[in-house]
Amino acid sequence: MGDDERDPDRRELRARIGQQVSLATFPATAEQLLEVARRGDAPDEVLDELGTLEPERSFANARELWQALGLEVEERF
């Protein structure tokens, strides 16, 4: 997977993670996000990616999560 936000694999991973964390209430810790994903039967790829985060790290919103995972999309406007 490349660093370019247009990389289809990168976009797909972001979408899969987004489907899972959309069920979470922010602010949330990485551990809470991982638990939500587990309960939602997230694919291993999503669990692995969320598992790279420090469990106690807190995220105020999804944008902070994307930044931590290196999946943030640049502002277009």
C-alpha atoms as a PDB file:
ATOM      1  CA  MET A   1       0.000   0.000   0.000  1.00  0.00           C
ATOM      2  CA  GLY A   2       1.392   3.378  -0.998  1.00  0.00           C
ATOM      3  CA  ASP A   3       1.323   6.737   0.737  1.00  0.00           C
ATOM      4  CA  ASP A   4      -0.630   8.395  -2.072  1.00  0.00           C
ATOM      5  CA  GLU A   5      -4.218   9.025  -0.945  1.00  0.00           C
ATOM      6  CA  ARG A   6      -5.366   7.960  -4.419  1.00  0.00           C
ATOM      7  CA  ASP A   7      -3.943   4.453  -3.869  1.00  0.00           C
ATOM      8  CA  PRO A   8      -7.018   2.165  -4.100  1.00  0.00           C
ATOM      9  CA  ASP A   9      -5.695  -0.174  -1.396  1.00  0.00           C
ATOM     10  CA  ARG A  10      -5.210   2.747   0.983  1.00  0.00           C
ATOM     11  CA  ARG A  11      -8.681   4.104   0.246  1.00  0.00           C
ATOM     12  CA  GLU A  12     -10.209   0.656   0.737  1.00  0.00           C
ATOM     13  CA  LEU A  13      -8.496   0.214   4.108  1.00  0.00           C
ATOM     14  CA  ARG A  14      -9.677   3.641   5.227  1.00  0.00           C
ATOM     15  CA  ALA A  15     -13.233   2.770   4.157  1.00  0.00           C
ATOM     16  CA  ARG A  16     -13.168  -0.550   6.019  1.00  0.00           C
ATOM     17  CA  ILE A  17     -11.866   1.070   9.180  1.00  0.00           C
ATOM     18  CA  GLY A  18     -14.397   3.878   8.775  1.00  0.00           C
ATOM     19  CA  GLN A  19     -17.265   1.390   8.629  1.00  0.00           C
ATOM     20  CA  GLN A  20     -16.210  -0.009  11.979  1.00  0.00           C
ATOM     21  CA  VAL A  21     -15.331   3.163  13.873  1.00  0.00           C
ATOM     22  CA  SER A  22     -18.503   4.886  12.719  1.00  0.00           C
ATOM     23  CA  LEU A  23     -20.217   2.735  15.341  1.00  0.00           C
ATOM     24  CA  ALA A  24     -18.011   4.163  18.121  1.00  0.00           C
ATOM     25  CA  THR A  25     -18.688   7.206  20.247  1.00  0.00           C
ATOM     26  CA  PHE A  26     -15.880   9.746  20.251  1.00  0.00           C
ATOM     27  CA  PRO A  27     -13.831  10.612  22.164  1.00  0.00           C
ATOM     28  CA  ALA A  28     -12.612   7.034  22.321  1.00  0.00           C
ATOM     29  CA  THR A  29      -9.420   5.216  23.152  1.00  0.00           C
ATOM     30  CA  ALA A  30      -7.705   2.935  20.675  1.00  0.00           C
ATOM     31  CA  GLU A  31      -8.713   0.021  22.901  1.00  0.00           C
ATOM     32  CA  GLN A  32     -12.388   1.060  22.696  1.00  0.00           C
ATOM     33  CA  LEU A  33     -12.203   1.424  18.912  1.00  0.00           C
ATOM     34  CA  LEU A  34     -10.628  -2.006  18.625  1.00  0.00           C
ATOM     35  CA  GLU A  35     -13.377  -3.503  20.800  1.00  0.00           C
ATOM     36  CA  VAL A  36     -16.093  -1.914  18.635  1.00  0.00           C
ATOM     37  CA  ALA A  37     -14.394  -3.361  15.558  1.00  0.00           C
ATOM     38  CA  ARG A  38     -14.171  -6.823  17.140  1.00  0.00           C
ATOM     39  CA  ARG A  39     -17.877  -6.774  18.043  1.00  0.00           C
ATOM     40  CA  GLY A  40     -18.643  -5.746  14.469  1.00  0.00           C
ATOM     41  CA  ASP A  41     -16.741  -8.748  13.091  1.00  0.00           C
ATOM     42  CA  ALA A  42     -14.227  -6.470  11.380  1.00  0.00           C
ATOM     43  CA  PRO A  43     -11.827  -8.083   8.938  1.00  0.00           C
ATOM     44  CA  ASP A  44      -8.373  -8.991  10.232  1.00  0.00           C
ATOM     45  CA  GLU A  45      -6.837  -6.158   8.214  1.00  0.00           C
ATOM     46  CA  VAL A  46      -8.862  -3.613  10.196  1.00  0.00           C
ATOM     47  CA  LEU A  47      -8.124  -5.271  13.541  1.00  0.00           C
ATOM     48  CA  ASP A  48      -4.420  -5.416  12.707  1.00  0.00           C
ATOM     49  CA  GLU A  49      -4.318  -1.735  11.776  1.00  0.00           C
ATOM     50  CA  LEU A  50      -6.187  -0.614  14.900  1.00  0.00           C
ATOM     51  CA  GLY A  51      -3.981  -2.946  16.937  1.00  0.00           C
ATOM     52  CA  THR A  52      -0.909  -0.890  16.005  1.00  0.00           C
ATOM     53  CA  LEU A  53      -2.165   1.995  18.150  1.00  0.00           C
ATOM     54  CA  GLU A  54      -1.283   2.461  21.814  1.00  0.00           C
ATOM     55  CA  PRO A  55      -4.346   1.052  23.658  1.00  0.00           C
ATOM     56  CA  GLU A  56      -4.770   4.016  26.026  1.00  0.00           C
ATOM     57  CA  ARG A  57      -4.351   6.695  23.349  1.00  0.00           C
ATOM     58  CA  SER A  58      -7.488   8.810  23.094  1.00  0.00           C
ATOM     59  CA  PHE A  59      -8.942  10.231  19.899  1.00  0.00           C
ATOM     60  CA  ALA A  60     -11.325  13.184  19.950  1.00  0.00           C
ATOM     61  CA  ASN A  61     -12.664  12.325  16.497  1.00  0.00           C
ATOM     62  CA  ALA A  62     -12.073  10.192  13.423  1.00  0.00           C
ATOM     63  CA  ARG A  63      -9.691  12.739  11.910  1.00  0.00           C
ATOM     64  CA  GLU A  64      -7.263  12.228  14.797  1.00  0.00           C
ATOM     65  CA  LEU A  65      -7.518   8.486  14.204  1.00  0.00           C
ATOM     66  CA  TRP A  66      -6.750   8.892  10.484  1.00  0.00           C
ATOM     67  CA  GLN A  67      -3.717  11.006  11.355  1.00  0.00           C
ATOM     68  CA  ALA A  68      -2.415   8.391  13.799  1.00  0.00           C
ATOM     69  CA  LEU A  69      -2.847   5.629  11.222  1.00  0.00           C
ATOM     70  CA  GLY A  70      -1.303   7.695   8.427  1.00  0.00           C
ATOM     71  CA  LEU A  71      -4.580   7.568   6.479  1.00  0.00           C
ATOM     72  CA  GLU A  72      -5.601  11.218   6.615  1.00  0.00           C
ATOM     73  CA  VAL A  73      -6.806  12.746   3.375  1.00  0.00           C
ATOM     74  CA  GLU A  74      -5.402  16.145   2.506  1.00  0.00           C
ATOM     75  CA  GLU A  75      -7.746  19.113   2.524  1.00  0.00           C
ATOM     76  CA  ARG A  76      -9.004  19.810  -0.969  1.00  0.00           C
ATOM     77  CA  PHE A  77     -10.402  23.320  -0.505  1.00  0.00           C
END
